[in-house]
Amino acid sequence: QVQLMESGGGLVQPGGSLRLSCAVSGILLSRYDMGWYRQAPGKQRELVARITSGLSTNYADSVKGRFTISRVNAKSTVYLQMNSLKSEDTAVYYCNADPPVARWWGQGTQVTVSS
């Protein structure tokens, strides 16, 4: 059974930082391109960062230069370092494969950026 468990979210002031983690079980992580997604209230889920099995990365324009995605296959974990956070980054953040696998969606982790 594949499980993806996100953690590390919380309440942070504008300009602050958070590091999200995604612990993956049930698959060999090294075989998959992975992504971090987010869904803000009333909006569709969007891909904000992706990392290939070969460690190439891509970012949505809205987070480029502020977010960094990484992975440690030996720990079956994918990370998202988020710096210079803005109120518009407030959302539930999820990890999944890229493209996403429907049955792999986890509960996500809430990130709230507010003063």
N, C-alpha and C. Protein backbone atom coordinates (compact mmCIF):
# COMPACT_ATOMS: atom_id res chain seq x y z
N GLN A 1 0.84 -1.19 0.00
CA GLN A 1 0.00 0.00 0.00
C GLN A 1 0.88 1.24 0.00
N VAL A 2 0.63 2.13 -0.96
CA VAL A 2 1.42 3.35 -1.08
C VAL A 2 0.86 4.39 -0.12
N GLN A 3 1.75 5.02 0.63
CA GLN A 3 1.36 6.10 1.53
C GLN A 3 2.33 7.27 1.38
N LEU A 4 1.78 8.47 1.29
CA LEU A 4 2.56 9.69 1.26
C LEU A 4 2.09 10.55 2.43
N MET A 5 2.98 10.88 3.35
CA MET A 5 2.60 11.60 4.55
C MET A 5 3.36 12.91 4.63
N GLU A 6 2.60 14.00 4.51
CA GLU A 6 3.19 15.33 4.55
C GLU A 6 3.24 15.86 5.98
N SER A 7 4.26 16.64 6.28
CA SER A 7 4.38 17.26 7.60
C SER A 7 5.20 18.54 7.48
N GLY A 8 5.18 19.33 8.56
CA GLY A 8 6.01 20.52 8.61
C GLY A 8 5.27 21.83 8.41
N GLY A 9 3.98 21.77 8.14
CA GLY A 9 3.23 23.00 7.96
C GLY A 9 2.99 23.71 9.29
N GLY A 10 2.38 24.89 9.19
CA GLY A 10 2.09 25.65 10.39
C GLY A 10 1.75 27.08 10.06
N LEU A 11 1.71 27.89 11.11
CA LEU A 11 1.44 29.32 10.98
C LEU A 11 2.78 30.07 11.00
N VAL A 12 2.97 30.93 10.02
CA VAL A 12 4.23 31.68 9.93
C VAL A 12 3.91 33.09 9.47
N GLN A 13 4.72 34.03 9.92
CA GLN A 13 4.54 35.42 9.50
C GLN A 13 5.06 35.64 8.09
N PRO A 14 4.54 36.63 7.40
CA PRO A 14 5.10 36.97 6.08
C PRO A 14 6.60 37.20 6.17
N GLY A 15 7.31 36.65 5.18
CA GLY A 15 8.77 36.72 5.18
C GLY A 15 9.44 35.57 5.87
N GLY A 16 8.67 34.75 6.55
CA GLY A 16 9.22 33.61 7.28
C GLY A 16 9.49 32.41 6.40
N SER A 17 9.93 31.33 7.04
CA SER A 17 10.31 30.11 6.33
C SER A 17 9.68 28.89 6.98
N LEU A 18 9.47 27.88 6.16
CA LEU A 18 9.04 26.55 6.63
C LEU A 18 9.71 25.50 5.76
N ARG A 19 9.89 24.33 6.33
CA ARG A 19 10.38 23.19 5.55
C ARG A 19 9.38 22.06 5.66
N LEU A 20 8.82 21.69 4.54
CA LEU A 20 7.87 20.59 4.48
C LEU A 20 8.60 19.29 4.16
N SER A 21 8.08 18.20 4.71
CA SER A 21 8.62 16.87 4.43
C SER A 21 7.49 15.97 3.94
N CYS A 22 7.85 15.05 3.07
CA CYS A 22 6.90 14.06 2.56
C CYS A 22 7.55 12.69 2.69
N ALA A 23 7.07 11.90 3.63
CA ALA A 23 7.57 10.55 3.83
C ALA A 23 6.78 9.59 2.96
N VAL A 24 7.49 8.85 2.13
CA VAL A 24 6.86 7.98 1.15
C VAL A 24 7.12 6.52 1.51
N SER A 25 6.09 5.71 1.45
CA SER A 25 6.25 4.28 1.68
C SER A 25 5.44 3.50 0.66
N GLY A 26 5.88 2.27 0.40
CA GLY A 26 5.16 1.39 -0.50
C GLY A 26 5.62 1.43 -1.93
N ILE A 27 6.56 2.33 -2.27
CA ILE A 27 7.14 2.40 -3.60
C ILE A 27 8.63 2.65 -3.47
N LEU A 28 9.34 2.40 -4.56
CA LEU A 28 10.75 2.76 -4.62
C LEU A 28 10.82 4.19 -5.13
N LEU A 29 11.05 5.13 -4.21
CA LEU A 29 10.95 6.54 -4.54
C LEU A 29 11.84 6.93 -5.71
N SER A 30 13.00 6.33 -5.81
CA SER A 30 13.98 6.73 -6.83
C SER A 30 13.45 6.55 -8.25
N ARG A 31 12.41 5.79 -8.42
CA ARG A 31 11.89 5.52 -9.76
C ARG A 31 10.92 6.60 -10.25
N TYR A 32 10.55 7.53 -9.36
CA TYR A 32 9.48 8.46 -9.68
C TYR A 32 9.93 9.91 -9.71
N ASP A 33 9.39 10.65 -10.68
CA ASP A 33 9.42 12.10 -10.61
C ASP A 33 8.37 12.50 -9.57
N MET A 34 8.72 13.47 -8.73
CA MET A 34 7.83 13.84 -7.64
C MET A 34 7.52 15.33 -7.67
N GLY A 35 6.39 15.69 -7.08
CA GLY A 35 6.02 17.10 -7.05
C GLY A 35 5.39 17.49 -5.74
N TRP A 36 5.47 18.78 -5.46
CA TRP A 36 4.71 19.38 -4.37
C TRP A 36 3.59 20.19 -5.00
N TYR A 37 2.41 20.00 -4.48
CA TYR A 37 1.22 20.67 -4.97
C TYR A 37 0.59 21.46 -3.82
N ARG A 38 -0.24 22.42 -4.16
CA ARG A 38 -0.96 23.14 -3.12
C ARG A 38 -2.35 23.48 -3.59
N GLN A 39 -3.25 23.61 -2.63
CA GLN A 39 -4.62 24.00 -2.94
C GLN A 39 -5.06 25.04 -1.92
N ALA A 40 -5.32 26.23 -2.42
CA ALA A 40 -5.83 27.32 -1.58
C ALA A 40 -7.35 27.27 -1.59
N PRO A 41 -7.98 27.84 -0.57
CA PRO A 41 -9.45 27.82 -0.51
C PRO A 41 -10.07 28.41 -1.77
N GLY A 42 -11.01 27.68 -2.35
CA GLY A 42 -11.71 28.15 -3.54
C GLY A 42 -10.93 28.05 -4.82
N LYS A 43 -9.74 27.45 -4.79
CA LYS A 43 -8.91 27.35 -5.98
C LYS A 43 -8.60 25.90 -6.30
N GLN A 44 -8.18 25.67 -7.54
CA GLN A 44 -7.79 24.33 -7.93
C GLN A 44 -6.40 24.00 -7.39
N ARG A 45 -6.16 22.73 -7.24
CA ARG A 45 -4.84 22.28 -6.83
C ARG A 45 -3.85 22.58 -7.95
N GLU A 46 -2.66 23.06 -7.57
CA GLU A 46 -1.65 23.40 -8.56
C GLU A 46 -0.30 22.80 -8.16
N LEU A 47 0.48 22.52 -9.20
CA LEU A 47 1.84 22.03 -9.00
C LEU A 47 2.74 23.24 -8.77
N VAL A 48 3.49 23.24 -7.67
CA VAL A 48 4.37 24.37 -7.40
C VAL A 48 5.84 24.03 -7.60
N ALA A 49 6.21 22.76 -7.47
CA ALA A 49 7.60 22.37 -7.64
C ALA A 49 7.66 20.89 -8.01
N ARG A 50 8.62 20.56 -8.85
CA ARG A 50 8.79 19.16 -9.22
C ARG A 50 10.27 18.83 -9.25
N ILE A 51 10.56 17.56 -9.00
CA ILE A 51 11.94 17.09 -9.06
C ILE A 51 11.92 15.73 -9.74
N THR A 52 12.75 15.57 -10.75
CA THR A 52 12.78 14.32 -11.48
C THR A 52 13.62 13.29 -10.76
N SER A 53 13.56 12.07 -11.26
CA SER A 53 14.39 11.01 -10.68
C SER A 53 15.87 11.33 -10.87
N GLY A 54 16.16 12.14 -11.88
CA GLY A 54 17.53 12.57 -12.14
C GLY A 54 17.92 13.86 -11.45
N LEU A 55 17.06 14.36 -10.58
CA LEU A 55 17.30 15.54 -9.73
C LEU A 55 17.17 16.88 -10.45
N SER A 56 16.58 16.89 -11.65
CA SER A 56 16.24 18.17 -12.27
C SER A 56 15.02 18.75 -11.58
N THR A 57 14.99 20.07 -11.47
CA THR A 57 13.89 20.72 -10.76
C THR A 57 13.22 21.79 -11.63
N ASN A 58 11.94 22.00 -11.37
CA ASN A 58 11.19 23.06 -12.02
C ASN A 58 10.23 23.66 -11.00
N TYR A 59 9.92 24.94 -11.20
CA TYR A 59 9.08 25.65 -10.24
C TYR A 59 8.03 26.48 -10.94
N ALA A 60 6.89 26.62 -10.29
CA ALA A 60 5.90 27.58 -10.78
C ALA A 60 6.49 28.98 -10.65
N ASP A 61 6.09 29.86 -11.54
CA ASP A 61 6.63 31.22 -11.52
C ASP A 61 6.36 31.90 -10.17
N SER A 62 5.26 31.57 -9.56
CA SER A 62 4.87 32.24 -8.32
C SER A 62 5.79 31.91 -7.14
N VAL A 63 6.57 30.83 -7.24
CA VAL A 63 7.44 30.43 -6.12
C VAL A 63 8.90 30.40 -6.51
N LYS A 64 9.19 30.64 -7.78
CA LYS A 64 10.56 30.56 -8.25
C LYS A 64 11.46 31.52 -7.48
N GLY A 65 12.60 31.03 -7.02
CA GLY A 65 13.53 31.85 -6.26
C GLY A 65 13.26 31.86 -4.77
N ARG A 66 12.10 31.34 -4.36
CA ARG A 66 11.76 31.31 -2.94
C ARG A 66 11.65 29.89 -2.38
N PHE A 67 11.20 28.96 -3.22
CA PHE A 67 11.01 27.57 -2.80
C PHE A 67 12.10 26.70 -3.41
N THR A 68 12.50 25.66 -2.67
CA THR A 68 13.46 24.69 -3.17
C THR A 68 12.98 23.28 -2.85
N ILE A 69 12.85 22.46 -3.89
CA ILE A 69 12.46 21.07 -3.72
C ILE A 69 13.71 20.20 -3.73
N SER A 70 13.70 19.16 -2.90
CA SER A 70 14.82 18.23 -2.86
C SER A 70 14.30 16.86 -2.47
N ARG A 71 15.16 15.88 -2.59
CA ARG A 71 14.75 14.51 -2.24
C ARG A 71 15.96 13.76 -1.71
N VAL A 72 15.68 12.82 -0.80
CA VAL A 72 16.69 11.88 -0.32
C VAL A 72 16.09 10.50 -0.50
N ASN A 73 16.43 9.85 -1.59
CA ASN A 73 15.81 8.57 -1.92
C ASN A 73 16.07 7.53 -0.83
N ALA A 74 17.27 7.57 -0.25
CA ALA A 74 17.61 6.59 0.79
C ALA A 74 16.70 6.71 2.00
N LYS A 75 16.12 7.91 2.20
CA LYS A 75 15.18 8.12 3.30
C LYS A 75 13.73 8.11 2.84
N SER A 76 13.54 7.85 1.54
CA SER A 76 12.19 7.86 0.96
C SER A 76 11.45 9.14 1.33
N THR A 77 12.12 10.27 1.20
CA THR A 77 11.56 11.54 1.63
C THR A 77 11.81 12.62 0.58
N VAL A 78 10.79 13.44 0.39
CA VAL A 78 10.88 14.61 -0.48
C VAL A 78 10.64 15.84 0.39
N TYR A 79 11.39 16.90 0.12
CA TYR A 79 11.32 18.11 0.94
C TYR A 79 10.92 19.32 0.10
N LEU A 80 10.36 20.30 0.79
CA LEU A 80 10.10 21.60 0.16
C LEU A 80 10.52 22.68 1.15
N GLN A 81 11.61 23.36 0.85
CA GLN A 81 12.05 24.50 1.65
C GLN A 81 11.37 25.74 1.11
N MET A 82 10.66 26.44 1.97
CA MET A 82 9.90 27.62 1.56
C MET A 82 10.42 28.83 2.32
N ASN A 83 10.95 29.78 1.60
CA ASN A 83 11.48 31.01 2.19
C ASN A 83 10.69 32.21 1.69
N SER A 84 10.85 33.34 2.37
CA SER A 84 10.17 34.59 1.98
C SER A 84 8.70 34.36 1.73
N LEU A 85 8.07 33.69 2.65
CA LEU A 85 6.66 33.32 2.47
C LEU A 85 5.76 34.55 2.41
N LYS A 86 4.72 34.43 1.58
CA LYS A 86 3.75 35.49 1.37
C LYS A 86 2.36 34.98 1.76
N SER A 87 1.46 35.90 1.97
CA SER A 87 0.10 35.50 2.35
C SER A 87 -0.52 34.63 1.27
N GLU A 88 -0.18 34.88 0.02
CA GLU A 88 -0.75 34.08 -1.07
C GLU A 88 -0.20 32.66 -1.15
N ASP A 89 0.78 32.35 -0.31
CA ASP A 89 1.26 30.97 -0.22
C ASP A 89 0.39 30.12 0.72
N THR A 90 -0.54 30.75 1.39
CA THR A 90 -1.44 30.02 2.28
C THR A 90 -2.24 28.99 1.51
N ALA A 91 -2.13 27.74 1.93
CA ALA A 91 -2.78 26.64 1.23
C ALA A 91 -2.51 25.33 1.99
N VAL A 92 -3.18 24.29 1.56
CA VAL A 92 -2.82 22.94 1.98
C VAL A 92 -1.83 22.41 0.95
N TYR A 93 -0.71 21.90 1.44
CA TYR A 93 0.36 21.42 0.56
C TYR A 93 0.39 19.89 0.58
N TYR A 94 0.51 19.33 -0.62
CA TYR A 94 0.52 17.88 -0.81
C TYR A 94 1.74 17.48 -1.64
N CYS A 95 2.19 16.26 -1.44
CA CYS A 95 3.16 15.71 -2.38
C CYS A 95 2.52 14.55 -3.11
N ASN A 96 3.02 14.28 -4.29
CA ASN A 96 2.53 13.18 -5.11
C ASN A 96 3.54 13.00 -6.23
N ALA A 97 3.35 11.99 -6.99
CA ALA A 97 4.15 11.81 -8.19
C ALA A 97 3.81 12.91 -9.18
N ASP A 98 4.67 13.07 -10.18
CA ASP A 98 4.39 13.97 -11.28
C ASP A 98 4.49 13.19 -12.58
N PRO A 99 3.36 12.97 -13.28
CA PRO A 99 2.01 13.41 -12.95
C PRO A 99 1.45 12.67 -11.74
N PRO A 100 0.48 13.28 -11.07
CA PRO A 100 -0.01 12.69 -9.82
C PRO A 100 -0.81 11.41 -10.05
N VAL A 101 -0.75 10.55 -9.05
CA VAL A 101 -1.53 9.31 -9.02
C VAL A 101 -2.70 9.54 -8.07
N ALA A 102 -3.90 9.40 -8.56
CA ALA A 102 -5.09 9.80 -7.80
C ALA A 102 -5.17 9.13 -6.43
N ARG A 103 -4.84 7.85 -6.38
CA ARG A 103 -5.03 7.13 -5.12
C ARG A 103 -3.88 7.39 -4.13
N TRP A 104 -2.92 8.18 -4.51
CA TRP A 104 -1.78 8.46 -3.65
C TRP A 104 -1.94 9.75 -2.83
N TRP A 105 -2.97 10.53 -3.09
CA TRP A 105 -3.11 11.79 -2.36
C TRP A 105 -3.23 11.52 -0.85
N GLY A 106 -2.45 12.25 -0.08
CA GLY A 106 -2.52 12.16 1.36
C GLY A 106 -3.40 13.26 1.94
N GLN A 107 -3.23 13.49 3.23
CA GLN A 107 -4.04 14.51 3.91
C GLN A 107 -3.50 15.91 3.70
N GLY A 108 -2.25 16.01 3.33
CA GLY A 108 -1.65 17.32 3.15
C GLY A 108 -1.25 17.95 4.48
N THR A 109 -0.58 19.08 4.37
CA THR A 109 -0.19 19.84 5.56
C THR A 109 -0.54 21.31 5.33
N GLN A 110 -1.18 21.91 6.30
CA GLN A 110 -1.66 23.27 6.16
C GLN A 110 -0.53 24.27 6.40
N VAL A 111 -0.39 25.20 5.48
CA VAL A 111 0.54 26.33 5.63
C VAL A 111 -0.28 27.60 5.65
N THR A 112 -0.14 28.36 6.71
CA THR A 112 -0.85 29.63 6.83
C THR A 112 0.17 30.74 7.05
N VAL A 113 0.15 31.70 6.16
CA VAL A 113 1.06 32.84 6.24
C VAL A 113 0.24 34.07 6.62
N SER A 114 0.46 34.54 7.84
CA SER A 114 -0.35 35.64 8.34
C SER A 114 0.39 36.34 9.48
N SER A 115 0.17 37.64 9.57
CA SER A 115 0.74 38.40 10.69
C SER A 115 -0.26 38.46 11.84
